[in-house]
């Protein structure tokens, strides 16, 4: 588990978890779009679709790629914690997504 605050549903893990939301905040703050961070009760698909409507057409494909990359990274972190008992911080995941380490 990433936060031990709620049941580990897909929506919680990939959108509304405080850990995941911190990763999103760090990423979106880099481009001045921190207001788009998922809420603490977000459904991933609804947040993704609603957020897509608020960004320019030119950036939609990049945003889609970012959502998939963050989701994949969060899922891998969840598995790393569950099976390998190794944890990373939101800052470390941010660096992994941004810089590959």
N, C-alpha and C. Protein backbone atom coordinates (compact mmCIF):
# COMPACT_ATOMS: atom_id res chain seq x y z
N UNK A 1 0.83 -1.18 0.00
CA UNK A 1 0.00 0.00 0.00
C UNK A 1 0.88 1.25 0.00
N UNK A 2 0.34 2.29 -0.58
CA UNK A 2 1.09 3.53 -0.63
C UNK A 2 0.84 4.43 0.56
N UNK A 3 -0.40 4.47 1.04
CA UNK A 3 -0.71 5.43 2.10
C UNK A 3 -1.37 4.82 3.32
N UNK A 4 -1.92 3.63 3.23
CA UNK A 4 -2.63 2.97 4.34
C UNK A 4 -3.79 3.79 4.89
N UNK A 5 -4.38 4.65 4.06
CA UNK A 5 -5.49 5.48 4.51
C UNK A 5 -6.84 4.97 4.04
N UNK A 6 -6.89 4.29 2.91
CA UNK A 6 -8.14 3.78 2.36
C UNK A 6 -7.89 2.44 1.70
N UNK A 7 -8.98 1.77 1.32
CA UNK A 7 -8.85 0.52 0.58
C UNK A 7 -8.12 0.78 -0.72
N UNK A 8 -7.37 -0.20 -1.14
CA UNK A 8 -6.54 -0.05 -2.33
C UNK A 8 -7.34 -0.37 -3.61
N UNK A 9 -8.16 0.55 -4.01
CA UNK A 9 -8.87 0.42 -5.28
C UNK A 9 -8.02 1.05 -6.38
N UNK A 10 -8.38 0.77 -7.60
CA UNK A 10 -7.65 1.36 -8.72
C UNK A 10 -7.74 2.88 -8.68
N UNK A 11 -8.94 3.40 -8.45
CA UNK A 11 -9.10 4.86 -8.40
C UNK A 11 -8.30 5.47 -7.27
N UNK A 12 -8.33 4.82 -6.12
CA UNK A 12 -7.55 5.36 -5.00
C UNK A 12 -6.06 5.33 -5.32
N UNK A 13 -5.58 4.19 -5.73
CA UNK A 13 -4.15 4.02 -5.99
C UNK A 13 -3.63 4.97 -7.06
N UNK A 14 -4.37 5.12 -8.17
CA UNK A 14 -3.87 5.86 -9.32
C UNK A 14 -4.33 7.30 -9.42
N UNK A 15 -5.24 7.73 -8.51
CA UNK A 15 -5.70 9.11 -8.61
C UNK A 15 -5.84 9.81 -7.26
N UNK A 16 -6.53 9.21 -6.32
CA UNK A 16 -6.89 9.97 -5.12
C UNK A 16 -5.98 9.75 -3.91
N UNK A 17 -5.09 8.80 -3.96
CA UNK A 17 -4.16 8.55 -2.86
C UNK A 17 -3.29 9.78 -2.62
N UNK A 18 -3.07 10.13 -1.37
CA UNK A 18 -2.27 11.30 -1.04
C UNK A 18 -0.86 11.18 -1.63
N UNK A 19 -0.30 9.99 -1.65
CA UNK A 19 1.02 9.74 -2.23
C UNK A 19 1.00 10.06 -3.73
N UNK A 20 0.03 9.52 -4.43
CA UNK A 20 -0.10 9.74 -5.88
C UNK A 20 -0.36 11.21 -6.18
N UNK A 21 -1.21 11.83 -5.39
CA UNK A 21 -1.52 13.24 -5.61
C UNK A 21 -0.29 14.12 -5.40
N UNK A 22 0.60 13.73 -4.50
CA UNK A 22 1.84 14.49 -4.32
C UNK A 22 2.74 14.36 -5.55
N UNK A 23 2.81 13.16 -6.12
CA UNK A 23 3.58 12.99 -7.36
C UNK A 23 2.99 13.88 -8.45
N UNK A 24 1.65 13.84 -8.60
CA UNK A 24 0.99 14.69 -9.60
C UNK A 24 1.26 16.17 -9.33
N UNK A 25 1.22 16.57 -8.09
CA UNK A 25 1.45 17.98 -7.75
C UNK A 25 2.86 18.40 -8.18
N UNK A 26 3.84 17.58 -7.89
CA UNK A 26 5.22 17.91 -8.28
C UNK A 26 5.34 18.02 -9.80
N UNK A 27 4.73 17.09 -10.51
CA UNK A 27 4.81 17.12 -11.98
C UNK A 27 4.08 18.32 -12.57
N UNK A 28 2.85 18.52 -12.16
CA UNK A 28 2.04 19.59 -12.74
C UNK A 28 2.52 20.97 -12.31
N UNK A 29 3.15 21.07 -11.15
CA UNK A 29 3.69 22.36 -10.70
C UNK A 29 4.83 22.82 -11.61
N UNK A 30 5.53 21.88 -12.20
CA UNK A 30 6.64 22.22 -13.10
C UNK A 30 6.17 23.02 -14.31
N UNK A 31 4.91 22.86 -14.67
CA UNK A 31 4.37 23.57 -15.83
C UNK A 31 3.25 24.54 -15.44
N UNK A 32 3.18 24.88 -14.15
CA UNK A 32 2.20 25.84 -13.67
C UNK A 32 0.76 25.36 -13.74
N UNK A 33 0.56 24.05 -13.67
CA UNK A 33 -0.79 23.51 -13.78
C UNK A 33 -1.17 22.69 -12.54
N UNK A 34 -0.64 23.08 -11.38
CA UNK A 34 -0.91 22.34 -10.15
C UNK A 34 -2.39 22.32 -9.79
N UNK A 35 -3.16 23.25 -10.33
CA UNK A 35 -4.61 23.25 -10.07
C UNK A 35 -5.31 22.04 -10.69
N UNK A 36 -4.63 21.30 -11.54
CA UNK A 36 -5.21 20.12 -12.18
C UNK A 36 -4.97 18.82 -11.42
N UNK A 37 -4.29 18.88 -10.28
CA UNK A 37 -4.03 17.68 -9.47
C UNK A 37 -5.35 17.02 -9.11
N UNK A 38 -5.43 15.70 -9.19
CA UNK A 38 -6.67 15.01 -8.81
C UNK A 38 -7.08 15.34 -7.37
N UNK A 39 -8.37 15.37 -7.13
CA UNK A 39 -8.89 15.60 -5.78
C UNK A 39 -8.79 14.31 -4.97
N UNK A 40 -8.99 14.43 -3.67
CA UNK A 40 -8.86 13.26 -2.80
C UNK A 40 -9.99 12.25 -2.95
N UNK A 41 -10.98 12.57 -3.78
CA UNK A 41 -12.06 11.62 -4.07
C UNK A 41 -12.19 11.35 -5.56
N UNK A 42 -11.12 11.59 -6.31
CA UNK A 42 -11.17 11.46 -7.77
C UNK A 42 -11.28 10.03 -8.25
N UNK A 43 -12.04 9.88 -9.31
CA UNK A 43 -12.08 8.65 -10.10
C UNK A 43 -11.11 8.89 -11.25
N UNK A 44 -10.18 7.97 -11.48
CA UNK A 44 -9.14 8.18 -12.48
C UNK A 44 -9.70 8.54 -13.84
N UNK A 45 -10.64 7.77 -14.35
CA UNK A 45 -11.14 8.01 -15.71
C UNK A 45 -11.88 9.34 -15.82
N UNK A 46 -12.65 9.69 -14.79
CA UNK A 46 -13.37 10.98 -14.82
C UNK A 46 -12.39 12.14 -14.72
N UNK A 47 -11.42 12.05 -13.82
CA UNK A 47 -10.43 13.12 -13.69
C UNK A 47 -9.66 13.29 -15.00
N UNK A 48 -9.23 12.17 -15.58
CA UNK A 48 -8.47 12.21 -16.83
C UNK A 48 -9.27 12.89 -17.93
N UNK A 49 -10.51 12.46 -18.12
CA UNK A 49 -11.34 13.05 -19.18
C UNK A 49 -11.65 14.52 -18.90
N UNK A 50 -11.97 14.86 -17.67
CA UNK A 50 -12.26 16.27 -17.34
C UNK A 50 -11.04 17.15 -17.50
N UNK A 51 -9.89 16.65 -17.12
CA UNK A 51 -8.66 17.43 -17.24
C UNK A 51 -8.30 17.63 -18.70
N UNK A 52 -8.50 16.64 -19.53
CA UNK A 52 -8.22 16.76 -20.97
C UNK A 52 -9.00 17.92 -21.59
N UNK A 53 -10.20 18.17 -21.10
CA UNK A 53 -11.01 19.24 -21.68
C UNK A 53 -10.48 20.62 -21.32
N UNK A 54 -9.65 20.70 -20.29
CA UNK A 54 -9.15 22.01 -19.86
C UNK A 54 -7.76 22.33 -20.39
N UNK A 55 -7.17 21.43 -21.18
CA UNK A 55 -5.85 21.72 -21.74
C UNK A 55 -5.98 21.86 -23.26
N UNK A 56 -5.02 22.54 -23.84
CA UNK A 56 -5.09 22.79 -25.28
C UNK A 56 -4.95 21.49 -26.08
N UNK A 57 -5.54 21.49 -27.24
CA UNK A 57 -5.52 20.33 -28.13
C UNK A 57 -4.09 19.87 -28.40
N UNK A 58 -3.21 20.83 -28.51
CA UNK A 58 -1.80 20.55 -28.82
C UNK A 58 -1.14 19.66 -27.75
N UNK A 59 -1.59 19.75 -26.50
CA UNK A 59 -0.96 19.02 -25.40
C UNK A 59 -1.72 17.78 -24.96
N UNK A 60 -2.86 17.48 -25.56
CA UNK A 60 -3.67 16.34 -25.11
C UNK A 60 -2.93 15.00 -25.21
N UNK A 61 -2.25 14.77 -26.31
CA UNK A 61 -1.54 13.49 -26.45
C UNK A 61 -0.40 13.38 -25.44
N UNK A 62 0.27 14.48 -25.19
CA UNK A 62 1.35 14.48 -24.18
C UNK A 62 0.77 14.21 -22.80
N UNK A 63 -0.37 14.83 -22.51
CA UNK A 63 -1.02 14.61 -21.22
C UNK A 63 -1.43 13.15 -21.08
N UNK A 64 -2.00 12.58 -22.13
CA UNK A 64 -2.39 11.16 -22.09
C UNK A 64 -1.18 10.28 -21.79
N UNK A 65 -0.07 10.57 -22.43
CA UNK A 65 1.16 9.81 -22.19
C UNK A 65 1.62 9.96 -20.75
N UNK A 66 1.51 11.17 -20.22
CA UNK A 66 1.91 11.41 -18.84
C UNK A 66 1.02 10.63 -17.87
N UNK A 67 -0.27 10.62 -18.11
CA UNK A 67 -1.18 9.86 -17.24
C UNK A 67 -0.80 8.38 -17.25
N UNK A 68 -0.51 7.85 -18.41
CA UNK A 68 -0.12 6.44 -18.49
C UNK A 68 1.21 6.19 -17.80
N UNK A 69 2.17 7.08 -17.99
CA UNK A 69 3.48 6.94 -17.36
C UNK A 69 3.37 7.00 -15.83
N UNK A 70 2.63 7.98 -15.33
CA UNK A 70 2.47 8.10 -13.88
C UNK A 70 1.74 6.88 -13.33
N UNK A 71 0.68 6.45 -13.99
CA UNK A 71 -0.07 5.28 -13.53
C UNK A 71 0.83 4.04 -13.49
N UNK A 72 1.61 3.84 -14.53
CA UNK A 72 2.52 2.69 -14.58
C UNK A 72 3.57 2.78 -13.46
N UNK A 73 4.11 3.96 -13.24
CA UNK A 73 5.12 4.15 -12.21
C UNK A 73 4.54 3.92 -10.82
N UNK A 74 3.34 4.42 -10.58
CA UNK A 74 2.67 4.21 -9.29
C UNK A 74 2.39 2.72 -9.09
N UNK A 75 1.92 2.05 -10.13
CA UNK A 75 1.64 0.61 -10.03
C UNK A 75 2.91 -0.17 -9.72
N UNK A 76 4.00 0.18 -10.38
CA UNK A 76 5.27 -0.49 -10.11
C UNK A 76 5.76 -0.22 -8.69
N UNK A 77 5.54 1.00 -8.20
CA UNK A 77 5.91 1.32 -6.82
C UNK A 77 5.08 0.49 -5.84
N UNK A 78 3.81 0.36 -6.12
CA UNK A 78 2.94 -0.45 -5.27
C UNK A 78 3.45 -1.90 -5.22
N UNK A 79 3.81 -2.45 -6.38
CA UNK A 79 4.32 -3.82 -6.43
C UNK A 79 5.68 -3.94 -5.75
N UNK A 80 6.53 -2.95 -5.91
CA UNK A 80 7.84 -2.95 -5.26
C UNK A 80 7.66 -3.01 -3.74
N UNK A 81 6.72 -2.23 -3.23
CA UNK A 81 6.46 -2.22 -1.79
C UNK A 81 5.87 -3.55 -1.32
N UNK A 82 4.96 -4.08 -2.11
CA UNK A 82 4.27 -5.31 -1.74
C UNK A 82 5.18 -6.53 -1.79
N UNK A 83 5.94 -6.67 -2.87
CA UNK A 83 6.70 -7.90 -3.08
C UNK A 83 8.16 -7.81 -2.68
N UNK A 84 8.76 -6.64 -2.81
CA UNK A 84 10.19 -6.50 -2.52
C UNK A 84 10.48 -5.76 -1.21
N UNK A 85 9.43 -5.16 -0.63
CA UNK A 85 9.56 -4.38 0.60
C UNK A 85 10.58 -3.25 0.45
N UNK A 86 10.59 -2.64 -0.73
CA UNK A 86 11.43 -1.47 -1.02
C UNK A 86 10.49 -0.30 -1.32
N UNK A 87 10.76 0.84 -0.71
CA UNK A 87 9.88 1.99 -0.91
C UNK A 87 10.64 3.18 -1.47
N UNK A 88 9.91 3.98 -2.21
CA UNK A 88 10.42 5.27 -2.69
C UNK A 88 9.48 6.36 -2.20
N UNK A 89 10.01 7.54 -2.10
CA UNK A 89 9.20 8.70 -1.72
C UNK A 89 8.57 9.31 -2.96
N UNK A 90 7.58 10.17 -2.78
CA UNK A 90 7.04 10.89 -3.94
C UNK A 90 8.13 11.68 -4.69
N UNK A 91 9.07 12.24 -3.96
CA UNK A 91 10.18 12.97 -4.60
C UNK A 91 11.02 12.05 -5.48
N UNK A 92 11.25 10.86 -5.02
CA UNK A 92 12.04 9.90 -5.80
C UNK A 92 11.27 9.45 -7.05
N UNK A 93 9.96 9.25 -6.92
CA UNK A 93 9.17 8.89 -8.11
C UNK A 93 9.12 10.04 -9.10
N UNK A 94 9.01 11.27 -8.60
CA UNK A 94 9.04 12.44 -9.46
C UNK A 94 10.35 12.46 -10.25
N UNK A 95 11.48 12.25 -9.59
CA UNK A 95 12.78 12.23 -10.26
C UNK A 95 12.85 11.10 -11.28
N UNK A 96 12.30 9.96 -10.95
CA UNK A 96 12.29 8.83 -11.88
C UNK A 96 11.51 9.16 -13.14
N UNK A 97 10.35 9.80 -12.97
CA UNK A 97 9.52 10.17 -14.11
C UNK A 97 10.19 11.27 -14.93
N UNK A 98 10.74 12.27 -14.26
CA UNK A 98 11.33 13.42 -14.95
C UNK A 98 12.68 13.10 -15.59
N UNK A 99 13.51 12.39 -14.86
CA UNK A 99 14.91 12.25 -15.28
C UNK A 99 15.36 10.82 -15.50
N UNK A 100 14.49 9.85 -15.22
CA UNK A 100 14.85 8.45 -15.44
C UNK A 100 15.69 7.83 -14.33
N UNK A 101 15.77 8.49 -13.17
CA UNK A 101 16.51 7.88 -12.05
C UNK A 101 15.84 8.21 -10.75
